[in-house]
PDB file of N, CA and C in Angstrom:
ATOM      1  N   MET A   1      91.212  97.622  88.920  1.00  0.00           N
ATOM      2  CA  MET A   1      91.524  97.330  90.234  1.00  0.00           C
ATOM      3  C   MET A   1      93.047  97.191  90.351  1.00  0.00           C
ATOM      4  N   ALA A   2      93.674  97.819  91.344  1.00  0.00           N
ATOM      5  CA  ALA A   2      95.093  97.778  91.532  1.00  0.00           C
ATOM      6  C   ALA A   2      95.374  96.442  92.303  1.00  0.00           C
ATOM      7  N   THR A   3      96.703  96.116  92.216  1.00  0.00           N
ATOM      8  CA  THR A   3      97.167  94.834  92.869  1.00  0.00           C
ATOM      9  C   THR A   3      97.603  95.145  94.380  1.00  0.00           C
ATOM     10  N   ALA A   4      97.781  94.054  95.126  1.00  0.00           N
ATOM     11  CA  ALA A   4      98.293  94.232  96.430  1.00  0.00           C
ATOM     12  C   ALA A   4      99.747  94.713  96.455  1.00  0.00           C
ATOM     13  N   ASP A   5     100.487  94.393  95.359  1.00  0.00           N
ATOM     14  CA  ASP A   5     101.865  94.908  95.269  1.00  0.00           C
ATOM     15  C   ASP A   5     101.834  96.321  94.964  1.00  0.00           C
ATOM     16  N   GLN A   6     100.890  96.850  94.170  1.00  0.00           N
ATOM     17  CA  GLN A   6     100.815  98.290  93.883  1.00  0.00           C
ATOM     18  C   GLN A   6     100.458  99.013  95.171  1.00  0.00           C
ATOM     19  N   CYS A   7      99.485  98.496  95.934  1.00  0.00           N
ATOM     20  CA  CYS A   7      99.059  99.086  97.196  1.00  0.00           C
ATOM     21  C   CYS A   7     100.248  99.257  98.162  1.00  0.00           C
ATOM     22  N   ARG A   8     101.093  98.194  98.345  1.00  0.00           N
ATOM     23  CA  ARG A   8     102.217  98.187  99.167  1.00  0.00           C
ATOM     24  C   ARG A   8     103.141  99.278  98.719  1.00  0.00           C
ATOM     25  N   ALA A   9     103.385  99.303  97.353  1.00  0.00           N
ATOM     26  CA  ALA A   9     104.398 100.227  96.742  1.00  0.00           C
ATOM     27  C   ALA A   9     103.899 101.682  97.060  1.00  0.00           C
ATOM     28  N   VAL A  10     102.585 101.985  97.027  1.00  0.00           N
ATOM     29  CA  VAL A  10     102.174 103.358  97.126  1.00  0.00           C
ATOM     30  C   VAL A  10     102.222 103.752  98.701  1.00  0.00           C
ATOM     31  N   LEU A  11     102.037 102.755  99.591  1.00  0.00           N
ATOM     32  CA  LEU A  11     102.272 102.997 100.966  1.00  0.00           C
ATOM     33  C   LEU A  11     103.785 103.318 101.227  1.00  0.00           C
ATOM     34  N   GLU A  12     104.634 102.603 100.576  1.00  0.00           N
ATOM     35  CA  GLU A  12     106.075 102.819 100.744  1.00  0.00           C
ATOM     36  C   GLU A  12     106.457 104.164 100.126  1.00  0.00           C
ATOM     37  N   GLU A  13     105.855 104.490  98.969  1.00  0.00           N
ATOM     38  CA  GLU A  13     106.055 105.831  98.368  1.00  0.00           C
ATOM     39  C   GLU A  13     105.608 106.969  99.351  1.00  0.00           C
ATOM     40  N   LEU A  14     104.472 106.776 100.087  1.00  0.00           N
ATOM     41  CA  LEU A  14     104.001 107.774 100.966  1.00  0.00           C
ATOM     42  C   LEU A  14     105.152 107.991 102.031  1.00  0.00           C
ATOM     43  N   THR A  15     105.652 106.863 102.518  1.00  0.00           N
ATOM     44  CA  THR A  15     106.710 106.941 103.561  1.00  0.00           C
ATOM     45  C   THR A  15     107.927 107.766 103.012  1.00  0.00           C
ATOM     46  N   ALA A  16     108.338 107.452 101.768  1.00  0.00           N
ATOM     47  CA  ALA A  16     109.467 108.120 101.182  1.00  0.00           C
ATOM     48  C   ALA A  16     109.180 109.581 101.061  1.00  0.00           C
ATOM     49  N   ARG A  17     108.021 110.048 100.737  1.00  0.00           N
ATOM     50  CA  ARG A  17     107.642 111.378 100.695  1.00  0.00           C
ATOM     51  C   ARG A  17     107.776 112.063 102.079  1.00  0.00           C
ATOM     52  N   LEU A  18     107.278 111.407 103.049  1.00  0.00           N
ATOM     53  CA  LEU A  18     107.385 111.948 104.390  1.00  0.00           C
ATOM     54  C   LEU A  18     108.891 112.121 104.876  1.00  0.00           C
ATOM     55  N   VAL A  19     109.663 111.213 104.556  1.00  0.00           N
ATOM     56  CA  VAL A  19     111.063 111.272 104.836  1.00  0.00           C
ATOM     57  C   VAL A  19     111.721 112.420 104.055  1.00  0.00           C
ATOM     58  N   ALA A  20     111.285 112.671 102.850  1.00  0.00           N
ATOM     59  CA  ALA A  20     111.845 113.734 102.010  1.00  0.00           C
ATOM     60  C   ALA A  20     111.342 115.127 102.521  1.00  0.00           C
ATOM     61  N   HIS A  21     110.194 115.138 103.173  1.00  0.00           N
ATOM     62  CA  HIS A  21     109.651 116.383 103.669  1.00  0.00           C
ATOM     63  C   HIS A  21     109.361 116.364 105.146  1.00  0.00           C
ATOM     64  N   PRO A  22     110.503 116.635 105.919  1.00  0.00           N
ATOM     65  CA  PRO A  22     110.450 116.501 107.414  1.00  0.00           C
ATOM     66  C   PRO A  22     109.463 117.477 108.028  1.00  0.00           C
ATOM     67  N   ASP A  23     109.171 118.635 107.322  1.00  0.00           N
ATOM     68  CA  ASP A  23     108.162 119.524 107.932  1.00  0.00           C
ATOM     69  C   ASP A  23     106.869 118.857 108.016  1.00  0.00           C
ATOM     70  N   ALA A  24     106.473 118.158 107.026  1.00  0.00           N
ATOM     71  CA  ALA A  24     105.096 117.504 107.016  1.00  0.00           C
ATOM     72  C   ALA A  24     105.127 116.331 108.090  1.00  0.00           C
ATOM     73  N   ALA A  25     106.279 115.641 108.143  1.00  0.00           N
ATOM     74  CA  ALA A  25     106.387 114.551 109.130  1.00  0.00           C
ATOM     75  C   ALA A  25     106.227 115.082 110.578  1.00  0.00           C
ATOM     76  N   ARG A  26     106.890 116.192 110.878  1.00  0.00           N
ATOM     77  CA  ARG A  26     106.811 116.912 112.153  1.00  0.00           C
ATOM     78  C   ARG A  26     105.511 117.189 112.626  1.00  0.00           C
ATOM     79  N   ARG A  27     104.603 117.554 111.592  1.00  0.00           N
ATOM     80  CA  ARG A  27     103.257 117.983 111.941  1.00  0.00           C
ATOM     81  C   ARG A  27     102.402 116.741 112.403  1.00  0.00           C
ATOM     82  N   VAL A  28     102.838 115.575 112.070  1.00  0.00           N
ATOM     83  CA  VAL A  28     102.159 114.342 112.352  1.00  0.00           C
ATOM     84  C   VAL A  28     102.933 113.551 113.312  1.00  0.00           C
ATOM     85  N   ASN A  29     103.333 114.042 114.424  1.00  0.00           N
ATOM     86  CA  ASN A  29     104.152 113.354 115.438  1.00  0.00           C
ATOM     87  C   ASN A  29     103.392 112.390 116.293  1.00  0.00           C
ATOM     88  N   LEU A  30     102.984 111.323 115.656  1.00  0.00           N
ATOM     89  CA  LEU A  30     102.259 110.260 116.340  1.00  0.00           C
ATOM     90  C   LEU A  30     103.159 109.026 116.601  1.00  0.00           C
ATOM     91  N   ASP A  31     102.816 108.234 117.537  1.00  0.00           N
ATOM     92  CA  ASP A  31     103.496 106.894 117.720  1.00  0.00           C
ATOM     93  C   ASP A  31     102.284 105.973 117.955  1.00  0.00           C
ATOM     94  N   ARG A  32     101.789 105.482 116.874  1.00  0.00           N
ATOM     95  CA  ARG A  32     100.516 104.596 116.877  1.00  0.00           C
ATOM     96  C   ARG A  32     100.710 103.512 115.922  1.00  0.00           C
ATOM     97  N   THR A  33     100.073 102.412 116.213  1.00  0.00           N
ATOM     98  CA  THR A  33      99.907 101.281 115.335  1.00  0.00           C
ATOM     99  C   THR A  33      98.863 101.573 114.330  1.00  0.00           C
ATOM    100  N   PHE A  34      98.980 101.057 113.117  1.00  0.00           N
ATOM    101  CA  PHE A  34      97.813 101.258 112.205  1.00  0.00           C
ATOM    102  C   PHE A  34      97.740  99.991 111.312  1.00  0.00           C
ATOM    103  N   THR A  35      96.499  99.943 110.674  1.00  0.00           N
ATOM    104  CA  THR A  35      96.353  99.000 109.718  1.00  0.00           C
ATOM    105  C   THR A  35      95.548  99.575 108.517  1.00  0.00           C
ATOM    106  N   CYS A  36      95.838  99.113 107.408  1.00  0.00           N
ATOM    107  CA  CYS A  36      95.098  99.575 106.249  1.00  0.00           C
ATOM    108  C   CYS A  36      94.442  98.294 105.531  1.00  0.00           C
ATOM    109  N   HIS A  37      93.139  98.326 105.450  1.00  0.00           N
ATOM    110  CA  HIS A  37      92.363  97.191 104.752  1.00  0.00           C
ATOM    111  C   HIS A  37      91.981  97.639 103.426  1.00  0.00           C
ATOM    112  N   ILE A  38      92.462  96.870 102.524  1.00  0.00           N
ATOM    113  CA  ILE A  38      92.063  97.121 100.992  1.00  0.00           C
ATOM    114  C   ILE A  38      90.869  96.349 100.773  1.00  0.00           C
ATOM    115  N   ARG A  39      89.757  96.928 100.681  1.00  0.00           N
ATOM    116  CA  ARG A  39      88.432  96.299 100.711  1.00  0.00           C
ATOM    117  C   ARG A  39      88.334  95.288  99.413  1.00  0.00           C
ATOM    118  N   ASP A  40      88.520  95.882  98.327  1.00  0.00           N
ATOM    119  CA  ASP A  40      88.242  94.974  97.093  1.00  0.00           C
ATOM    120  C   ASP A  40      89.254  93.868  96.961  1.00  0.00           C
ATOM    121  N   LEU A  41      90.407  93.941  97.549  1.00  0.00           N
ATOM    122  CA  LEU A  41      91.357  92.833  97.469  1.00  0.00           C
ATOM    123  C   LEU A  41      91.270  91.937  98.692  1.00  0.00           C
ATOM    124  N   ASP A  42      90.662  92.395  99.827  1.00  0.00           N
ATOM    125  CA  ASP A  42      90.661  91.774 101.143  1.00  0.00           C
ATOM    126  C   ASP A  42      92.001  91.511 101.625  1.00  0.00           C
ATOM    127  N   VAL A  43      92.818  92.527 101.518  1.00  0.00           N
ATOM    128  CA  VAL A  43      94.309  92.542 101.946  1.00  0.00           C
ATOM    129  C   VAL A  43      94.437  93.599 102.920  1.00  0.00           C
ATOM    130  N   HIS A  44      95.340  93.197 103.913  1.00  0.00           N
ATOM    131  CA  HIS A  44      95.575  94.087 105.038  1.00  0.00           C
ATOM    132  C   HIS A  44      97.164  94.368 105.043  1.00  0.00           C
ATOM    133  N   PHE A  45      97.428  95.597 105.398  1.00  0.00           N
ATOM    134  CA  PHE A  45      98.856  95.965 105.747  1.00  0.00           C
ATOM    135  C   PHE A  45      98.777  96.580 107.077  1.00  0.00           C
ATOM    136  N   HIS A  46      99.851  96.371 107.847  1.00  0.00           N
ATOM    137  CA  HIS A  46      99.906  96.991 109.198  1.00  0.00           C
ATOM    138  C   HIS A  46     101.328  97.514 109.372  1.00  0.00           C
ATOM    139  N   GLY A  47     101.488  98.411 110.318  1.00  0.00           N
ATOM    140  CA  GLY A  47     102.650  99.026 110.613  1.00  0.00           C
ATOM    141  C   GLY A  47     102.575  99.973 111.695  1.00  0.00           C
ATOM    142  N   ARG A  48     103.400 100.878 111.811  1.00  0.00           N
ATOM    143  CA  ARG A  48     103.440 101.865 112.859  1.00  0.00           C
ATOM    144  C   ARG A  48     103.647 103.292 112.254  1.00  0.00           C
ATOM    145  N   LEU A  49     102.995 104.228 112.789  1.00  0.00           N
ATOM    146  CA  LEU A  49     103.272 105.694 112.504  1.00  0.00           C
ATOM    147  C   LEU A  49     104.212 106.089 113.680  1.00  0.00           C
ATOM    148  N   ALA A  50     105.374 106.525 113.244  1.00  0.00           N
ATOM    149  CA  ALA A  50     106.299 106.996 114.244  1.00  0.00           C
ATOM    150  C   ALA A  50     107.041 108.158 113.737  1.00  0.00           C
ATOM    151  N   GLN A  51     107.010 109.244 114.418  1.00  0.00           N
ATOM    152  CA  GLN A  51     107.769 110.489 114.000  1.00  0.00           C
ATOM    153  C   GLN A  51     107.352 110.929 112.705  1.00  0.00           C
ATOM    154  N   GLY A  52     106.030 110.746 112.323  1.00  0.00           N
ATOM    155  CA  GLY A  52     105.571 111.221 111.102  1.00  0.00           C
ATOM    156  C   GLY A  52     105.783 110.272 109.907  1.00  0.00           C
ATOM    157  N   ARG A  53     106.331 109.066 110.202  1.00  0.00           N
ATOM    158  CA  ARG A  53     106.680 108.161 109.146  1.00  0.00           C
ATOM    159  C   ARG A  53     105.997 106.806 109.355  1.00  0.00           C
ATOM    160  N   ILE A  54     105.845 106.053 108.291  1.00  0.00           N
ATOM    161  CA  ILE A  54     105.363 104.761 108.392  1.00  0.00           C
ATOM    162  C   ILE A  54     106.527 103.743 108.476  1.00  0.00           C
ATOM    163  N   VAL A  55     106.527 102.963 109.531  1.00  0.00           N
ATOM    164  CA  VAL A  55     107.677 102.030 109.784  1.00  0.00           C
ATOM    165  C   VAL A  55     107.124 100.660 109.976  1.00  0.00           C
ATOM    166  N   ASP A  56     107.918  99.642 109.748  1.00  0.00           N
ATOM    167  CA  ASP A  56     107.603  98.302 109.956  1.00  0.00           C
ATOM    168  C   ASP A  56     106.366  97.865 109.198  1.00  0.00           C
ATOM    169  N   LEU A  57     106.234  98.281 107.955  1.00  0.00           N
ATOM    170  CA  LEU A  57     105.134  97.924 107.126  1.00  0.00           C
ATOM    171  C   LEU A  57     105.132  96.431 106.795  1.00  0.00           C
ATOM    172  N   SER A  58     104.094  95.765 107.123  1.00  0.00           N
ATOM    173  CA  SER A  58     103.994  94.355 106.850  1.00  0.00           C
ATOM    174  C   SER A  58     102.664  93.919 106.401  1.00  0.00           C
ATOM    175  N   ASP A  59     102.633  92.669 105.764  1.00  0.00           N
ATOM    176  CA  ASP A  59     101.349  92.193 105.345  1.00  0.00           C
ATOM    177  C   ASP A  59     100.644  91.636 106.500  1.00  0.00           C
ATOM    178  N   GLY A  60      99.304  91.636 106.449  1.00  0.00           N
ATOM    179  CA  GLY A  60      98.426  91.122 107.486  1.00  0.00           C
ATOM    180  C   GLY A  60      97.799  92.227 108.386  1.00  0.00           C
ATOM    181  N   ASP A  61      96.768  91.745 109.096  1.00  0.00           N
ATOM    182  CA  ASP A  61      95.978  92.640 109.945  1.00  0.00           C
ATOM    183  C   ASP A  61      96.628  92.796 111.322  1.00  0.00           C
ATOM    184  N   ASP A  62      96.313  93.829 111.996  1.00  0.00           N
ATOM    185  CA  ASP A  62      96.638  93.998 113.411  1.00  0.00           C
ATOM    186  C   ASP A  62      95.337  94.438 114.108  1.00  0.00           C
ATOM    187  N   PRO A  63      94.567  93.545 114.617  1.00  0.00           N
ATOM    188  CA  PRO A  63      93.306  93.855 115.311  1.00  0.00           C
ATOM    189  C   PRO A  63      93.361  94.898 116.369  1.00  0.00           C
ATOM    190  N   SER A  64      94.485  95.013 116.890  1.00  0.00           N
ATOM    191  CA  SER A  64      94.680  95.990 118.145  1.00  0.00           C
ATOM    192  C   SER A  64      95.116  97.300 117.644  1.00  0.00           C
ATOM    193  N   ALA A  65      95.252  97.625 116.369  1.00  0.00           N
ATOM    194  CA  ALA A  65      95.777  98.807 115.874  1.00  0.00           C
ATOM    195  C   ALA A  65      95.046 100.015 116.314  1.00  0.00           C
ATOM    196  N   ALA A  66      95.658 101.109 116.613  1.00  0.00           N
ATOM    197  CA  ALA A  66      95.039 102.332 117.092  1.00  0.00           C
ATOM    198  C   ALA A  66      94.385 103.113 116.103  1.00  0.00           C
ATOM    199  N   ILE A  67      94.914 102.964 114.800  1.00  0.00           N
ATOM    200  CA  ILE A  67      94.350 103.674 113.627  1.00  0.00           C
ATOM    201  C   ILE A  67      94.051 102.559 112.575  1.00  0.00           C
ATOM    202  N   ARG A  68      92.802 102.669 111.984  1.00  0.00           N
ATOM    203  CA  ARG A  68      92.387 101.627 111.027  1.00  0.00           C
ATOM    204  C   ARG A  68      91.791 102.352 109.858  1.00  0.00           C
ATOM    205  N   LEU A  69      92.401 102.130 108.674  1.00  0.00           N
ATOM    206  CA  LEU A  69      92.003 102.699 107.488  1.00  0.00           C
ATOM    207  C   LEU A  69      91.374 101.633 106.593  1.00  0.00           C
ATOM    208  N   VAL A  70      90.180 101.984 105.893  1.00  0.00           N
ATOM    209  CA  VAL A  70      89.571 101.002 105.049  1.00  0.00           C
ATOM    210  C   VAL A  70      89.356 101.778 103.706  1.00  0.00           C
ATOM    211  N   VAL A  71      89.804 101.212 102.596  1.00  0.00           N
ATOM    212  CA  VAL A  71      89.716 101.850 101.348  1.00  0.00           C
ATOM    213  C   VAL A  71      89.768 100.824 100.249  1.00  0.00           C
ATOM    214  N   THR A  72      89.413 101.197  99.024  1.00  0.00           N
ATOM    215  CA  THR A  72      89.621 100.284  97.831  1.00  0.00           C
ATOM    216  C   THR A  72      91.042 100.471  97.306  1.00  0.00           C
ATOM    217  N   SER A  73      91.521  99.590  96.570  1.00  0.00           N
ATOM    218  CA  SER A  73      92.851  99.718  96.022  1.00  0.00           C
ATOM    219  C   SER A  73      92.940 100.912  95.105  1.00  0.00           C
ATOM    220  N   ASP A  74      92.043 101.082  94.183  1.00  0.00           N
ATOM    221  CA  ASP A  74      92.208 102.282  93.240  1.00  0.00           C
ATOM    222  C   ASP A  74      92.048 103.629  94.056  1.00  0.00           C
ATOM    223  N   ASP A  75      91.256 103.687  95.121  1.00  0.00           N
ATOM    224  CA  ASP A  75      91.138 104.822  95.836  1.00  0.00           C
ATOM    225  C   ASP A  75      92.389 105.148  96.636  1.00  0.00           C
ATOM    226  N   LEU A  76      93.031 104.095  97.085  1.00  0.00           N
ATOM    227  CA  LEU A  76      94.343 104.251  97.893  1.00  0.00           C
ATOM    228  C   LEU A  76      95.364 104.916  96.948  1.00  0.00           C
ATOM    229  N   LEU A  77      95.511 104.375  95.734  1.00  0.00           N
ATOM    230  CA  LEU A  77      96.360 104.883  94.730  1.00  0.00           C
ATOM    231  C   LEU A  77      96.142 106.290  94.455  1.00  0.00           C
ATOM    232  N   ALA A  78      94.835 106.639  94.208  1.00  0.00           N
ATOM    233  CA  ALA A  78      94.372 107.981  93.873  1.00  0.00           C
ATOM    234  C   ALA A  78      94.655 108.983  95.061  1.00  0.00           C
ATOM    235  N   LEU A  79      94.353 108.561  96.298  1.00  0.00           N
ATOM    236  CA  LEU A  79      94.689 109.429  97.401  1.00  0.00           C
ATOM    237  C   LEU A  79      96.108 109.760  97.566  1.00  0.00           C
ATOM    238  N   VAL A  80      96.984 108.771  97.463  1.00  0.00           N
ATOM    239  CA  VAL A  80      98.437 109.044  97.600  1.00  0.00           C
ATOM    240  C   VAL A  80      98.939 109.904  96.438  1.00  0.00           C
ATOM    241  N   ALA A  81      98.371 109.648  95.298  1.00  0.00           N
ATOM    242  CA  ALA A  81      98.794 110.482  94.109  1.00  0.00           C
ATOM    243  C   ALA A  81      98.173 111.949  94.052  1.00  0.00           C
ATOM    244  N   GLY A  82      97.342 112.097  95.079  1.00  0.00           N
ATOM    245  CA  GLY A  82      96.680 113.485  95.157  1.00  0.00           C
ATOM    246  C   GLY A  82      95.481 113.728  94.135  1.00  0.00           C
ATOM    247  N   GLU A  83      95.068 112.661  93.536  1.00  0.00           N
ATOM    248  CA  GLU A  83      93.954 112.684  92.547  1.00  0.00           C
ATOM    249  C   GLU A  83      92.609 112.629  93.185  1.00  0.00           C
ATOM    250  N   LEU A  84      92.587 112.243  94.550  1.00  0.00           N
ATOM    251  CA  LEU A  84      91.325 112.047  95.251  1.00  0.00           C
ATOM    252  C   LEU A  84      91.541 112.754  96.589  1.00  0.00           C
ATOM    253  N   ASN A  85      90.612 113.694  96.912  1.00  0.00           N
ATOM    254  CA  ASN A  85      90.610 114.525  98.110  1.00  0.00           C
ATOM    255  C   ASN A  85      90.209 113.628  99.215  1.00  0.00           C
ATOM    256  N   VAL A  86      91.058 113.649 100.349  1.00  0.00           N
ATOM    257  CA  VAL A  86      90.788 112.863 101.447  1.00  0.00           C
ATOM    258  C   VAL A  86      89.488 113.166 102.133  1.00  0.00           C
ATOM    259  N   ALA A  87      89.072 114.478 102.323  1.00  0.00           N
ATOM    260  CA  ALA A  87      87.854 114.791 102.956  1.00  0.00           C
ATOM    261  C   ALA A  87      86.686 114.374 102.106  1.00  0.00           C
ATOM    262  N   LYS A  88      86.848 114.540 100.813  1.00  0.00           N
ATOM    263  CA  LYS A  88      85.647 114.110  99.954  1.00  0.00           C
ATOM    264  C   LYS A  88      85.506 112.573  99.918  1.00  0.00           C
ATOM    265  N   ALA A  89      86.669 111.850 100.026  1.00  0.00           N
ATOM    266  CA  ALA A  89      86.591 110.435 100.010  1.00  0.00           C
ATOM    267  C   ALA A  89      86.044 109.923 101.308  1.00  0.00           C
ATOM    268  N   TRP A  90      86.344 110.621 102.414  1.00  0.00           N
ATOM    269  CA  TRP A  90      85.854 110.112 103.733  1.00  0.00           C
ATOM    270  C   TRP A  90      84.307 110.484 103.738  1.00  0.00           C
ATOM    271  N   ALA A  91      83.956 111.752 103.317  1.00  0.00           N
ATOM    272  CA  ALA A  91      82.517 112.194 103.380  1.00  0.00           C
ATOM    273  C   ALA A  91      81.599 111.292 102.453  1.00  0.00           C
ATOM    274  N   SER A  92      82.173 110.677 101.365  1.00  0.00           N
ATOM    275  CA  SER A  92      81.366 109.887 100.465  1.00  0.00           C
ATOM    276  C   SER A  92      81.439 108.350 100.886  1.00  0.00           C
ATOM    277  N   GLY A  93      82.238 108.109 101.874  1.00  0.00           N
ATOM    278  CA  GLY A  93      82.299 106.619 102.371  1.00  0.00           C
ATOM    279  C   GLY A  93      83.325 105.810 101.588  1.00  0.00           C
ATOM    280  N   ARG A  94      84.026 106.481 100.766  1.00  0.00           N
ATOM    281  CA  ARG A  94      85.120 105.752  99.934  1.00  0.00           C
ATOM    282  C   ARG A  94      86.287 105.432 100.846  1.00  0.00           C
ATOM    283  N   LEU A  95      86.466 106.212 101.839  1.00  0.00           N
ATOM    284  CA  LEU A  95      87.555 106.048 102.887  1.00  0.00           C
ATOM    285  C   LEU A  95      86.919 106.092 104.243  1.00  0.00           C
ATOM    286  N   SER A  96      87.347 105.070 105.043  1.00  0.00           N
ATOM    287  CA  SER A  96      86.927 104.970 106.388  1.00  0.00           C
ATOM    288  C   SER A  96      88.129 105.023 107.254  1.00  0.00           C
ATOM    289  N   ILE A  97      88.008 105.896 108.320  1.00  0.00           N
ATOM    290  CA  ILE A  97      89.228 106.081 109.231  1.00  0.00           C
ATOM    291  C   ILE A  97      88.721 105.877 110.581  1.00  0.00           C
ATOM    292  N   HIS A  98      89.142 104.809 111.284  1.00  0.00           N
ATOM    293  CA  HIS A  98      88.759 104.579 112.694  1.00  0.00           C
ATOM    294  C   HIS A  98      90.027 104.911 113.547  1.00  0.00           C
ATOM    295  N   ALA A  99      89.840 105.907 114.414  1.00  0.00           N
ATOM    296  CA  ALA A  99      90.900 106.433 115.326  1.00  0.00           C
ATOM    297  C   ALA A  99      90.274 107.275 116.368  1.00  0.00           C
ATOM    298  N   SER A 100      90.947 107.577 117.437  1.00  0.00           N
ATOM    299  CA  SER A 100      90.560 108.452 118.351  1.00  0.00           C
ATOM    300  C   SER A 100      90.382 109.834 117.778  1.00  0.00           C
ATOM    301  N   PHE A 101      89.552 110.678 118.362  1.00  0.00           N
ATOM    302  CA  PHE A 101      89.258 112.002 117.927  1.00  0.00           C
ATOM    303  C   PHE A 101      90.573 112.808 117.843  1.00  0.00           C
ATOM    304  N   ARG A 102      91.441 112.720 118.835  1.00  0.00           N
ATOM    305  CA  ARG A 102      92.678 113.435 118.941  1.00  0.00           C
ATOM    306  C   ARG A 102      93.599 112.987 117.758  1.00  0.00           C
ATOM    307  N   ASP A 103      93.636 111.641 117.479  1.00  0.00           N
ATOM    308  CA  ASP A 103      94.451 111.206 116.358  1.00  0.00           C
ATOM    309  C   ASP A 103      93.961 111.631 115.079  1.00  0.00           C
ATOM    310  N   LEU A 104      92.604 111.686 114.882  1.00  0.00           N
ATOM    311  CA  LEU A 104      92.018 112.261 113.691  1.00  0.00           C
ATOM    312  C   LEU A 104      92.465 113.656 113.350  1.00  0.00           C
ATOM    313  N   LEU A 105      92.421 114.532 114.453  1.00  0.00           N
ATOM    314  CA  LEU A 105      92.850 115.859 114.334  1.00  0.00           C
ATOM    315  C   LEU A 105      94.347 115.979 113.923  1.00  0.00           C
ATOM    316  N   THR A 106      95.189 115.084 114.442  1.00  0.00           N
ATOM    317  CA  THR A 106      96.541 115.094 114.105  1.00  0.00           C
ATOM    318  C   THR A 106      96.694 114.624 112.662  1.00  0.00           C
ATOM    319  N   LEU A 107      96.062 113.493 112.315  1.00  0.00           N
ATOM    320  CA  LEU A 107      96.192 113.016 110.916  1.00  0.00           C
ATOM    321  C   LEU A 107      95.759 113.970 109.841  1.00  0.00           C
ATOM    322  N   ARG A 108      94.745 114.789 110.281  1.00  0.00           N
ATOM    323  CA  ARG A 108      94.314 115.837 109.242  1.00  0.00           C
ATOM    324  C   ARG A 108      95.371 116.697 108.783  1.00  0.00           C
ATOM    325  N   LYS A 109      96.384 116.945 109.646  1.00  0.00           N
ATOM    326  CA  LYS A 109      97.470 117.859 109.211  1.00  0.00           C
ATOM    327  C   LYS A 109      98.312 117.203 107.990  1.00  0.00           C
ATOM    328  N   LEU A 110      98.220 115.924 107.916  1.00  0.00           N
ATOM    329  CA  LEU A 110      98.940 115.217 106.895  1.00  0.00           C
ATOM    330  C   LEU A 110      98.257 115.315 105.549  1.00  0.00           C
ATOM    331  N   MET A 111      96.919 115.433 105.624  1.00  0.00           N
ATOM    332  CA  MET A 111      96.181 115.431 104.382  1.00  0.00           C
ATOM    333  C   MET A 111      96.361 116.666 103.563  1.00  0.00           C
TER     334      MET A 111
END
Protein backbone atom coordinates (compact mmCIF):
# COMPACT_ATOMS: atom_id res chain seq x y z
CA MET A 1 0.00 0.00 0.00
CA ALA A 2 1.34 3.39 -1.00
CA THR A 3 1.25 6.35 1.38
CA ALA A 4 -0.76 9.55 1.09
CA ASP A 5 2.50 11.42 0.43
CA GLN A 6 3.31 9.08 -2.47
CA CYS A 7 -0.17 9.62 -3.92
CA ARG A 8 0.20 13.39 -3.69
CA ALA A 9 3.65 13.17 -5.29
CA VAL A 10 2.36 11.09 -8.20
CA LEU A 11 -0.46 13.58 -8.85
CA GLU A 12 2.14 16.37 -8.85
CA GLU A 13 4.28 14.27 -11.20
CA LEU A 14 1.32 13.96 -13.56
CA THR A 15 0.96 17.74 -13.52
CA ALA A 16 4.66 18.17 -14.30
CA ARG A 17 4.36 15.78 -17.25
CA LEU A 18 1.42 17.76 -18.63
CA VAL A 19 3.40 20.99 -18.33
CA ALA A 20 6.32 19.34 -20.15
CA HIS A 21 4.02 18.08 -22.94
CA PRO A 22 1.78 20.99 -23.93
CA ASP A 23 0.30 19.02 -26.87
CA ALA A 24 -1.23 16.53 -24.43
CA ALA A 25 -2.45 19.34 -22.20
CA ARG A 26 -4.13 21.10 -25.14
CA ARG A 27 -6.14 17.98 -25.93
CA VAL A 28 -7.68 18.14 -22.45
CA ASN A 29 -8.74 21.75 -22.35
CA LEU A 30 -11.15 21.50 -19.42
CA ASP A 31 -11.82 23.92 -16.61
CA ARG A 32 -13.36 21.68 -13.96
CA THR A 33 -13.00 20.94 -10.29
CA PHE A 34 -11.95 17.40 -9.44
CA THR A 35 -11.43 15.19 -6.44
CA CYS A 36 -9.50 11.96 -6.11
CA HIS A 37 -10.51 9.56 -3.34
CA ILE A 38 -7.83 7.04 -2.40
CA ARG A 39 -10.02 4.17 -1.16
CA ASP A 40 -7.55 2.13 0.86
CA LEU A 41 -6.18 5.18 2.69
CA ASP A 42 -9.53 7.00 2.95
CA VAL A 43 -7.73 10.14 1.77
CA HIS A 44 -9.01 12.78 -0.63
CA PHE A 45 -7.19 15.27 -2.81
CA HIS A 46 -8.94 18.00 -4.73
CA GLY A 47 -8.01 20.65 -7.20
CA ARG A 48 -8.88 21.99 -10.57
CA LEU A 49 -8.19 20.85 -14.11
CA ALA A 50 -7.38 24.01 -16.03
CA GLN A 51 -5.84 24.26 -19.48
CA GLY A 52 -4.89 20.59 -19.36
CA ARG A 53 -3.12 20.82 -16.02
CA ILE A 54 -3.88 20.12 -12.38
CA VAL A 55 -3.78 23.32 -10.34
CA ASP A 56 -4.41 24.13 -6.70
CA LEU A 57 -3.95 20.53 -5.53
CA SER A 58 -4.97 20.32 -1.86
CA ASP A 59 -5.82 17.76 0.78
CA GLY A 60 -9.47 17.04 1.48
CA ASP A 61 -12.67 16.36 -0.41
CA ASP A 62 -14.70 18.71 -2.58
CA PRO A 63 -18.25 17.33 -2.57
CA SER A 64 -19.25 19.64 -5.43
CA ALA A 65 -16.39 18.58 -7.75
CA ALA A 66 -17.41 18.08 -11.36
CA ILE A 67 -15.02 15.12 -11.80
CA ARG A 68 -14.60 12.47 -9.10
CA LEU A 69 -11.97 9.71 -9.27
CA VAL A 70 -11.94 6.74 -6.90
CA VAL A 71 -8.92 4.42 -6.88
CA THR A 72 -6.59 2.57 -4.50
CA SER A 73 -3.17 4.01 -3.71
CA ASP A 74 -1.23 1.29 -5.54
CA ASP A 75 -3.47 1.54 -8.60
CA LEU A 76 -3.03 5.33 -8.73
CA LEU A 77 0.74 4.91 -8.76
CA ALA A 78 0.50 2.20 -11.43
CA LEU A 79 -1.84 4.29 -13.60
CA VAL A 80 0.44 7.32 -13.59
CA ALA A 81 3.52 5.15 -14.19
CA GLY A 82 1.79 3.60 -17.21
CA GLU A 83 1.87 0.13 -15.66
CA LEU A 84 -1.93 -0.11 -15.45
CA ASN A 85 -4.17 0.59 -18.43
CA VAL A 86 -6.90 3.12 -17.62
CA ALA A 87 -9.57 1.36 -19.69
CA LYS A 88 -8.84 -2.02 -18.11
CA ALA A 89 -8.77 -0.49 -14.61
CA TRP A 90 -12.12 1.18 -15.24
CA ALA A 91 -13.69 -1.92 -16.78
CA SER A 92 -12.59 -4.10 -13.86
CA GLY A 93 -13.80 -1.62 -11.23
CA ARG A 94 -10.32 -0.74 -9.99
CA LEU A 95 -10.88 2.85 -11.14
CA SER A 96 -14.14 4.74 -10.89
CA ILE A 97 -14.67 8.03 -12.71
CA HIS A 98 -17.78 10.11 -12.06
CA ALA A 99 -18.13 12.92 -14.59
CA SER A 100 -20.42 14.15 -17.32
CA PHE A 101 -20.36 12.18 -20.55
CA ARG A 102 -18.77 15.11 -22.36
CA ASP A 103 -16.01 15.37 -19.73
CA LEU A 104 -15.38 11.62 -19.96
CA LEU A 105 -14.84 11.92 -23.70
CA THR A 106 -12.39 14.77 -23.17
CA LEU A 107 -10.54 12.97 -20.36
CA ARG A 108 -10.17 9.92 -22.59
CA LYS A 109 -7.77 11.95 -24.75
CA LEU A 110 -5.42 12.21 -21.78
CA MET A 111 -5.29 8.48 -21.18
